[in-house]
Amino acid sequence: MKIVIGCDHAGYEIKQSVKKAILLTFLSQDPDTKFLDVGCDSTDSVHYPEYGKTVAVEVAFNDADYGILICGTGIGMSMVANKVKGIRAALCHDVYTTMMARQHNNANILTLPGRQIDVDEAKNCFKIFVNTSFDGGRHQKRVEKID
């Protein structure tokens, strides 16, 4: 599995915590898991579209299985990522919306609102996202219409 993560300045703190959860959980259990952090690297103001596009391209055209994007509200990152063909970025605020994004929409990028979610909930959303399978079935035709 390969996971790529990116954020803007408003998502930096949450990103750092989610990274630790990834490193502790997945990399320790499966040394073949690859992880790529594309930035940003501080709370200094940056332009979120650069990071959103980089993550989306890694998922859509390179070998990343999942992406995680974090900005203040999650809205901007979702908008940027969803412009890339093959991306289904879902803005999630809790474990329920995260589970539904995977089960019903086969989301491949988890977008989190850095200013509206606490660290524990963000970590839980990440764990649910990578451990929940797409249900397929009646949802498959809907996903095909999105694509």
N, C-alpha and C. Protein backbone atom coordinates (compact mmCIF):
# COMPACT_ATOMS: atom_id res chain seq x y z
N MET A 1 0.85 -1.17 0.00
CA MET A 1 0.00 0.00 0.00
C MET A 1 0.89 1.24 0.00
N LYS A 2 0.45 2.26 -0.74
CA LYS A 2 1.14 3.54 -0.72
C LYS A 2 0.13 4.63 -0.38
N ILE A 3 0.48 5.45 0.60
CA ILE A 3 -0.37 6.53 1.08
C ILE A 3 0.38 7.83 0.89
N VAL A 4 -0.29 8.83 0.32
CA VAL A 4 0.32 10.15 0.13
C VAL A 4 -0.52 11.17 0.89
N ILE A 5 0.16 12.10 1.56
CA ILE A 5 -0.53 13.09 2.39
C ILE A 5 -0.01 14.49 2.07
N GLY A 6 -0.92 15.45 2.11
CA GLY A 6 -0.55 16.84 1.88
C GLY A 6 -1.50 17.76 2.64
N CYS A 7 -1.03 18.97 2.88
CA CYS A 7 -1.83 19.93 3.62
C CYS A 7 -1.41 21.35 3.27
N ASP A 8 -2.20 22.30 3.75
CA ASP A 8 -1.76 23.68 3.73
C ASP A 8 -1.42 24.06 5.17
N HIS A 9 -1.15 25.32 5.39
CA HIS A 9 -0.74 25.78 6.71
C HIS A 9 -1.80 25.50 7.78
N ALA A 10 -3.09 25.58 7.42
CA ALA A 10 -4.16 25.34 8.40
C ALA A 10 -4.30 23.87 8.76
N GLY A 11 -3.76 22.99 7.94
CA GLY A 11 -3.85 21.56 8.22
C GLY A 11 -2.56 20.95 8.73
N TYR A 12 -1.54 21.78 8.90
CA TYR A 12 -0.22 21.25 9.26
C TYR A 12 -0.21 20.46 10.57
N GLU A 13 -0.80 21.00 11.61
CA GLU A 13 -0.77 20.33 12.92
C GLU A 13 -1.49 18.97 12.86
N ILE A 14 -2.66 18.94 12.24
CA ILE A 14 -3.40 17.67 12.11
C ILE A 14 -2.58 16.69 11.26
N LYS A 15 -1.98 17.19 10.17
CA LYS A 15 -1.18 16.31 9.30
C LYS A 15 -0.07 15.64 10.10
N GLN A 16 0.60 16.38 10.92
CA GLN A 16 1.71 15.81 11.70
C GLN A 16 1.21 14.68 12.61
N SER A 17 0.04 14.86 13.21
CA SER A 17 -0.51 13.83 14.08
C SER A 17 -0.97 12.61 13.29
N VAL A 18 -1.61 12.83 12.14
CA VAL A 18 -2.05 11.72 11.31
C VAL A 18 -0.83 10.95 10.79
N LYS A 19 0.22 11.67 10.44
CA LYS A 19 1.46 11.01 9.99
C LYS A 19 1.99 10.06 11.05
N LYS A 20 1.98 10.50 12.29
CA LYS A 20 2.46 9.64 13.37
C LYS A 20 1.61 8.37 13.47
N ALA A 21 0.29 8.54 13.33
CA ALA A 21 -0.61 7.38 13.38
C ALA A 21 -0.29 6.42 12.23
N ILE A 22 -0.05 6.97 11.05
CA ILE A 22 0.30 6.14 9.90
C ILE A 22 1.59 5.39 10.16
N LEU A 23 2.58 6.12 10.60
CA LEU A 23 3.89 5.51 10.82
C LEU A 23 3.83 4.44 11.89
N LEU A 24 3.13 4.72 12.97
CA LEU A 24 3.05 3.74 14.06
C LEU A 24 2.20 2.53 13.68
N THR A 25 1.09 2.76 13.02
CA THR A 25 0.16 1.68 12.72
C THR A 25 0.58 0.85 11.53
N PHE A 26 0.74 1.49 10.40
CA PHE A 26 0.91 0.74 9.16
C PHE A 26 2.36 0.35 8.89
N LEU A 27 3.26 1.27 9.06
CA LEU A 27 4.64 0.97 8.71
C LEU A 27 5.25 -0.05 9.67
N SER A 28 4.79 -0.04 10.93
CA SER A 28 5.32 -1.02 11.87
C SER A 28 4.75 -2.42 11.61
N GLN A 29 3.50 -2.49 11.12
CA GLN A 29 2.86 -3.78 10.84
C GLN A 29 3.23 -4.32 9.47
N ASP A 30 3.43 -3.43 8.51
CA ASP A 30 3.71 -3.85 7.14
C ASP A 30 4.83 -3.00 6.57
N PRO A 31 6.05 -3.49 6.63
CA PRO A 31 7.19 -2.69 6.16
C PRO A 31 7.14 -2.38 4.67
N ASP A 32 6.26 -3.05 3.92
CA ASP A 32 6.12 -2.76 2.49
C ASP A 32 5.22 -1.55 2.23
N THR A 33 4.53 -1.07 3.25
CA THR A 33 3.71 0.14 3.10
C THR A 33 4.63 1.31 2.82
N LYS A 34 4.26 2.08 1.81
CA LYS A 34 5.03 3.27 1.46
C LYS A 34 4.21 4.50 1.85
N PHE A 35 4.93 5.53 2.25
CA PHE A 35 4.29 6.74 2.71
C PHE A 35 5.03 7.94 2.13
N LEU A 36 4.26 8.88 1.57
CA LEU A 36 4.86 10.07 0.97
C LEU A 36 4.16 11.31 1.51
N ASP A 37 4.94 12.21 2.10
CA ASP A 37 4.45 13.50 2.58
C ASP A 37 4.90 14.55 1.57
N VAL A 38 3.94 15.20 0.89
CA VAL A 38 4.29 16.19 -0.13
C VAL A 38 4.24 17.62 0.41
N GLY A 39 4.08 17.78 1.73
CA GLY A 39 4.07 19.11 2.35
C GLY A 39 2.64 19.55 2.63
N CYS A 40 2.53 20.72 3.16
CA CYS A 40 3.53 21.71 3.48
C CYS A 40 4.24 21.34 4.79
N ASP A 41 5.27 22.09 5.11
CA ASP A 41 6.14 21.70 6.21
C ASP A 41 6.16 22.67 7.38
N SER A 42 5.16 23.54 7.46
CA SER A 42 5.08 24.47 8.59
C SER A 42 3.71 25.13 8.61
N THR A 43 3.50 26.03 9.54
CA THR A 43 2.26 26.78 9.61
C THR A 43 2.36 28.10 8.84
N ASP A 44 3.45 28.31 8.11
CA ASP A 44 3.58 29.50 7.27
C ASP A 44 2.59 29.41 6.11
N SER A 45 1.96 30.51 5.76
CA SER A 45 0.94 30.55 4.73
C SER A 45 1.45 30.03 3.38
N VAL A 46 0.66 29.13 2.77
CA VAL A 46 0.96 28.57 1.46
C VAL A 46 -0.32 28.54 0.63
N HIS A 47 -0.20 28.16 -0.63
CA HIS A 47 -1.35 28.05 -1.51
C HIS A 47 -1.77 26.58 -1.59
N TYR A 48 -2.93 26.26 -1.02
CA TYR A 48 -3.38 24.87 -0.94
C TYR A 48 -3.53 24.16 -2.28
N PRO A 49 -3.88 24.85 -3.40
CA PRO A 49 -4.05 24.09 -4.65
C PRO A 49 -2.81 23.32 -5.08
N GLU A 50 -1.64 23.82 -4.78
CA GLU A 50 -0.42 23.12 -5.16
C GLU A 50 -0.32 21.75 -4.49
N TYR A 51 -0.67 21.70 -3.22
CA TYR A 51 -0.58 20.45 -2.47
C TYR A 51 -1.73 19.51 -2.82
N GLY A 52 -2.92 20.07 -3.01
CA GLY A 52 -4.06 19.26 -3.39
C GLY A 52 -3.85 18.57 -4.73
N LYS A 53 -3.33 19.30 -5.69
CA LYS A 53 -3.09 18.72 -7.01
C LYS A 53 -2.01 17.66 -6.96
N THR A 54 -0.95 17.92 -6.20
CA THR A 54 0.14 16.95 -6.10
C THR A 54 -0.36 15.62 -5.55
N VAL A 55 -1.15 15.65 -4.50
CA VAL A 55 -1.69 14.41 -3.91
C VAL A 55 -2.62 13.73 -4.92
N ALA A 56 -3.49 14.49 -5.56
CA ALA A 56 -4.45 13.91 -6.50
C ALA A 56 -3.73 13.24 -7.67
N VAL A 57 -2.69 13.84 -8.18
CA VAL A 57 -1.93 13.26 -9.29
C VAL A 57 -1.24 11.97 -8.85
N GLU A 58 -0.72 11.95 -7.64
CA GLU A 58 -0.08 10.73 -7.13
C GLU A 58 -1.08 9.57 -7.07
N VAL A 59 -2.31 9.87 -6.67
CA VAL A 59 -3.33 8.83 -6.56
C VAL A 59 -3.86 8.43 -7.94
N ALA A 60 -4.11 9.42 -8.79
CA ALA A 60 -4.73 9.14 -10.08
C ALA A 60 -3.78 8.54 -11.10
N PHE A 61 -2.54 8.99 -11.12
CA PHE A 61 -1.64 8.62 -12.21
C PHE A 61 -0.37 7.89 -11.78
N ASN A 62 -0.06 7.93 -10.53
CA ASN A 62 1.12 7.22 -10.04
C ASN A 62 0.65 6.02 -9.23
N ASP A 63 1.40 5.57 -8.30
CA ASP A 63 1.04 4.31 -7.65
C ASP A 63 0.51 4.45 -6.23
N ALA A 64 0.01 5.62 -5.86
CA ALA A 64 -0.55 5.78 -4.51
C ALA A 64 -1.95 5.17 -4.46
N ASP A 65 -2.22 4.41 -3.42
CA ASP A 65 -3.53 3.80 -3.24
C ASP A 65 -4.53 4.79 -2.64
N TYR A 66 -4.06 5.59 -1.70
CA TYR A 66 -4.92 6.53 -0.99
C TYR A 66 -4.20 7.84 -0.80
N GLY A 67 -5.00 8.92 -0.75
CA GLY A 67 -4.48 10.23 -0.43
C GLY A 67 -5.21 10.80 0.76
N ILE A 68 -4.51 11.68 1.46
CA ILE A 68 -5.11 12.42 2.57
C ILE A 68 -4.76 13.88 2.35
N LEU A 69 -5.77 14.74 2.38
CA LEU A 69 -5.57 16.18 2.23
C LEU A 69 -6.20 16.89 3.42
N ILE A 70 -5.52 17.92 3.90
CA ILE A 70 -6.02 18.66 5.05
C ILE A 70 -5.81 20.15 4.82
N CYS A 71 -6.90 20.91 4.92
CA CYS A 71 -6.81 22.37 4.93
C CYS A 71 -7.78 22.87 6.00
N GLY A 72 -7.97 24.16 6.09
CA GLY A 72 -8.80 24.71 7.16
C GLY A 72 -10.19 24.11 7.24
N THR A 73 -10.91 24.13 6.12
CA THR A 73 -12.27 23.58 6.08
C THR A 73 -12.34 22.27 5.33
N GLY A 74 -11.34 21.96 4.54
CA GLY A 74 -11.36 20.78 3.69
C GLY A 74 -12.03 21.03 2.35
N ILE A 75 -12.73 22.13 2.23
CA ILE A 75 -13.48 22.42 1.01
C ILE A 75 -12.55 22.69 -0.16
N GLY A 76 -11.59 23.57 0.03
CA GLY A 76 -10.68 23.92 -1.06
C GLY A 76 -9.91 22.72 -1.58
N MET A 77 -9.38 21.93 -0.67
CA MET A 77 -8.62 20.75 -1.09
C MET A 77 -9.51 19.77 -1.85
N SER A 78 -10.74 19.59 -1.40
CA SER A 78 -11.67 18.70 -2.11
C SER A 78 -11.93 19.19 -3.52
N MET A 79 -12.14 20.49 -3.65
CA MET A 79 -12.41 21.05 -4.97
C MET A 79 -11.23 20.85 -5.91
N VAL A 80 -10.04 21.10 -5.43
CA VAL A 80 -8.84 20.93 -6.26
C VAL A 80 -8.66 19.47 -6.65
N ALA A 81 -8.71 18.58 -5.69
CA ALA A 81 -8.46 17.16 -5.97
C ALA A 81 -9.49 16.60 -6.94
N ASN A 82 -10.74 16.97 -6.79
CA ASN A 82 -11.80 16.41 -7.62
C ASN A 82 -11.76 16.91 -9.07
N LYS A 83 -10.89 17.83 -9.37
CA LYS A 83 -10.71 18.26 -10.77
C LYS A 83 -9.82 17.28 -11.54
N VAL A 84 -9.12 16.41 -10.82
CA VAL A 84 -8.23 15.44 -11.46
C VAL A 84 -9.03 14.19 -11.79
N LYS A 85 -8.98 13.78 -13.06
CA LYS A 85 -9.74 12.62 -13.52
C LYS A 85 -9.38 11.38 -12.70
N GLY A 86 -10.41 10.67 -12.26
CA GLY A 86 -10.21 9.45 -11.50
C GLY A 86 -10.18 9.65 -9.99
N ILE A 87 -10.26 10.88 -9.56
CA ILE A 87 -10.23 11.16 -8.12
C ILE A 87 -11.65 11.30 -7.58
N ARG A 88 -11.84 10.71 -6.42
CA ARG A 88 -13.07 10.86 -5.67
C ARG A 88 -12.67 11.26 -4.25
N ALA A 89 -12.44 12.55 -4.09
CA ALA A 89 -12.04 13.09 -2.78
C ALA A 89 -13.29 13.39 -1.97
N ALA A 90 -13.31 12.93 -0.74
CA ALA A 90 -14.47 13.11 0.13
C ALA A 90 -14.08 13.92 1.36
N LEU A 91 -14.80 14.99 1.57
CA LEU A 91 -14.63 15.80 2.78
C LEU A 91 -15.37 15.11 3.91
N CYS A 92 -14.63 14.67 4.91
CA CYS A 92 -15.21 13.92 6.03
C CYS A 92 -14.95 14.63 7.34
N HIS A 93 -15.95 14.63 8.20
CA HIS A 93 -15.86 15.29 9.50
C HIS A 93 -15.87 14.32 10.67
N ASP A 94 -16.18 13.06 10.39
CA ASP A 94 -16.29 12.07 11.47
C ASP A 94 -16.17 10.67 10.87
N VAL A 95 -16.18 9.67 11.73
CA VAL A 95 -15.98 8.31 11.23
C VAL A 95 -17.15 7.82 10.38
N TYR A 96 -18.37 8.29 10.66
CA TYR A 96 -19.51 7.86 9.86
C TYR A 96 -19.38 8.35 8.41
N THR A 97 -19.12 9.64 8.22
CA THR A 97 -19.00 10.14 6.86
C THR A 97 -17.80 9.51 6.16
N THR A 98 -16.77 9.20 6.90
CA THR A 98 -15.60 8.54 6.32
C THR A 98 -15.95 7.13 5.86
N MET A 99 -16.65 6.40 6.69
CA MET A 99 -17.04 5.03 6.33
C MET A 99 -17.95 5.04 5.09
N MET A 100 -18.90 5.95 5.05
CA MET A 100 -19.81 6.03 3.90
C MET A 100 -19.06 6.44 2.63
N ALA A 101 -18.08 7.31 2.76
CA ALA A 101 -17.29 7.74 1.60
C ALA A 101 -16.59 6.55 0.96
N ARG A 102 -16.11 5.64 1.77
CA ARG A 102 -15.44 4.44 1.24
C ARG A 102 -16.46 3.41 0.76
N GLN A 103 -17.44 3.08 1.61
CA GLN A 103 -18.38 2.01 1.28
C GLN A 103 -19.25 2.34 0.06
N HIS A 104 -19.75 3.56 -0.02
CA HIS A 104 -20.72 3.90 -1.05
C HIS A 104 -20.12 4.64 -2.24
N ASN A 105 -19.04 5.38 -2.03
CA ASN A 105 -18.50 6.23 -3.09
C ASN A 105 -17.11 5.82 -3.55
N ASN A 106 -16.54 4.82 -2.92
CA ASN A 106 -15.18 4.36 -3.25
C ASN A 106 -14.21 5.53 -3.29
N ALA A 107 -14.30 6.41 -2.31
CA ALA A 107 -13.41 7.57 -2.23
C ALA A 107 -11.97 7.09 -2.17
N ASN A 108 -11.10 7.79 -2.89
CA ASN A 108 -9.69 7.44 -2.86
C ASN A 108 -8.83 8.52 -2.21
N ILE A 109 -9.44 9.65 -1.87
CA ILE A 109 -8.75 10.69 -1.10
C ILE A 109 -9.66 11.11 0.05
N LEU A 110 -9.11 11.07 1.24
CA LEU A 110 -9.79 11.56 2.44
C LEU A 110 -9.38 13.02 2.64
N THR A 111 -10.38 13.89 2.69
CA THR A 111 -10.11 15.31 2.95
C THR A 111 -10.64 15.64 4.32
N LEU A 112 -9.81 16.28 5.12
CA LEU A 112 -10.17 16.61 6.50
C LEU A 112 -10.13 18.12 6.72
N PRO A 113 -11.04 18.63 7.57
CA PRO A 113 -11.05 20.05 7.91
C PRO A 113 -10.17 20.33 9.13
N GLY A 114 -8.98 20.81 8.90
CA GLY A 114 -8.00 20.99 9.97
C GLY A 114 -8.44 21.89 11.10
N ARG A 115 -9.31 22.85 10.82
CA ARG A 115 -9.76 23.78 11.85
C ARG A 115 -11.08 23.35 12.49
N GLN A 116 -11.61 22.20 12.08
CA GLN A 116 -12.91 21.79 12.58
C GLN A 116 -12.93 20.36 13.12
N ILE A 117 -11.79 19.74 13.22
CA ILE A 117 -11.73 18.36 13.68
C ILE A 117 -10.57 18.25 14.67
N ASP A 118 -10.75 17.45 15.70
CA ASP A 118 -9.63 17.29 16.63
C ASP A 118 -8.73 16.14 16.17
N VAL A 119 -7.58 16.07 16.78
CA VAL A 119 -6.55 15.11 16.36
C VAL A 119 -7.05 13.68 16.47
N ASP A 120 -7.70 13.33 17.56
CA ASP A 120 -8.17 11.95 17.73
C ASP A 120 -9.19 11.57 16.67
N GLU A 121 -10.11 12.48 16.36
CA GLU A 121 -11.11 12.19 15.34
C GLU A 121 -10.45 12.06 13.96
N ALA A 122 -9.46 12.90 13.70
CA ALA A 122 -8.73 12.81 12.42
C ALA A 122 -8.03 11.46 12.29
N LYS A 123 -7.39 11.01 13.35
CA LYS A 123 -6.72 9.70 13.33
C LYS A 123 -7.74 8.58 13.11
N ASN A 124 -8.88 8.67 13.80
CA ASN A 124 -9.92 7.66 13.63
C ASN A 124 -10.45 7.65 12.20
N CYS A 125 -10.64 8.82 11.62
CA CYS A 125 -11.10 8.90 10.23
C CYS A 125 -10.10 8.23 9.30
N PHE A 126 -8.83 8.49 9.51
CA PHE A 126 -7.80 7.86 8.67
C PHE A 126 -7.87 6.34 8.78
N LYS A 127 -7.95 5.84 10.00
CA LYS A 127 -7.99 4.38 10.18
C LYS A 127 -9.22 3.76 9.51
N ILE A 128 -10.36 4.41 9.67
CA ILE A 128 -11.58 3.92 9.01
C ILE A 128 -11.42 3.97 7.50
N PHE A 129 -10.85 5.04 6.99
CA PHE A 129 -10.71 5.23 5.54
C PHE A 129 -9.91 4.11 4.90
N VAL A 130 -8.77 3.77 5.45
CA VAL A 130 -7.92 2.76 4.82
C VAL A 130 -8.34 1.32 5.15
N ASN A 131 -9.21 1.15 6.12
CA ASN A 131 -9.64 -0.20 6.49
C ASN A 131 -11.08 -0.52 6.07
N THR A 132 -11.72 0.37 5.35
CA THR A 132 -13.10 0.14 4.90
C THR A 132 -13.08 -0.13 3.40
N SER A 133 -13.78 -1.18 3.00
CA SER A 133 -13.85 -1.55 1.59
C SER A 133 -15.07 -0.94 0.91
N PHE A 134 -14.95 -0.78 -0.38
CA PHE A 134 -16.06 -0.34 -1.22
C PHE A 134 -17.07 -1.47 -1.31
N ASP A 135 -18.36 -1.16 -1.12
CA ASP A 135 -19.41 -2.18 -1.16
C ASP A 135 -19.70 -2.67 -2.57
N GLY A 136 -19.43 -1.85 -3.57
CA GLY A 136 -19.75 -2.26 -4.94
C GLY A 136 -21.25 -2.37 -5.11
N GLY A 137 -21.69 -3.41 -5.81
CA GLY A 137 -23.13 -3.64 -6.00
C GLY A 137 -23.82 -2.45 -6.61
N ARG A 138 -24.91 -2.03 -5.97
CA ARG A 138 -25.70 -0.91 -6.51
C ARG A 138 -24.91 0.39 -6.55
N HIS A 139 -23.85 0.48 -5.75
CA HIS A 139 -23.04 1.70 -5.71
C HIS A 139 -22.08 1.80 -6.89
N GLN A 140 -21.76 0.66 -7.51
CA GLN A 140 -20.79 0.66 -8.60
C GLN A 140 -21.25 1.55 -9.77
N LYS A 141 -22.50 1.43 -10.16
CA LYS A 141 -23.01 2.23 -11.29
C LYS A 141 -22.94 3.72 -10.95
N ARG A 142 -23.18 4.07 -9.71
CA ARG A 142 -23.12 5.48 -9.29
C ARG A 142 -21.69 6.01 -9.38
N VAL A 143 -20.75 5.21 -8.93
CA VAL A 143 -19.35 5.61 -9.01
C VAL A 143 -18.93 5.75 -10.46
N GLU A 144 -19.39 4.84 -11.32
CA GLU A 144 -19.09 4.94 -12.75
C GLU A 144 -19.64 6.24 -13.33
N LYS A 145 -20.79 6.68 -12.88
CA LYS A 145 -21.37 7.95 -13.36
C LYS A 145 -20.53 9.13 -12.88
N ILE A 146 -19.98 9.04 -11.68
CA ILE A 146 -19.10 10.10 -11.18
C ILE A 146 -17.85 10.18 -12.07
N ASP A 147 -17.29 9.02 -12.36
CA ASP A 147 -16.05 8.98 -13.15
C ASP A 147 -16.32 9.38 -14.59
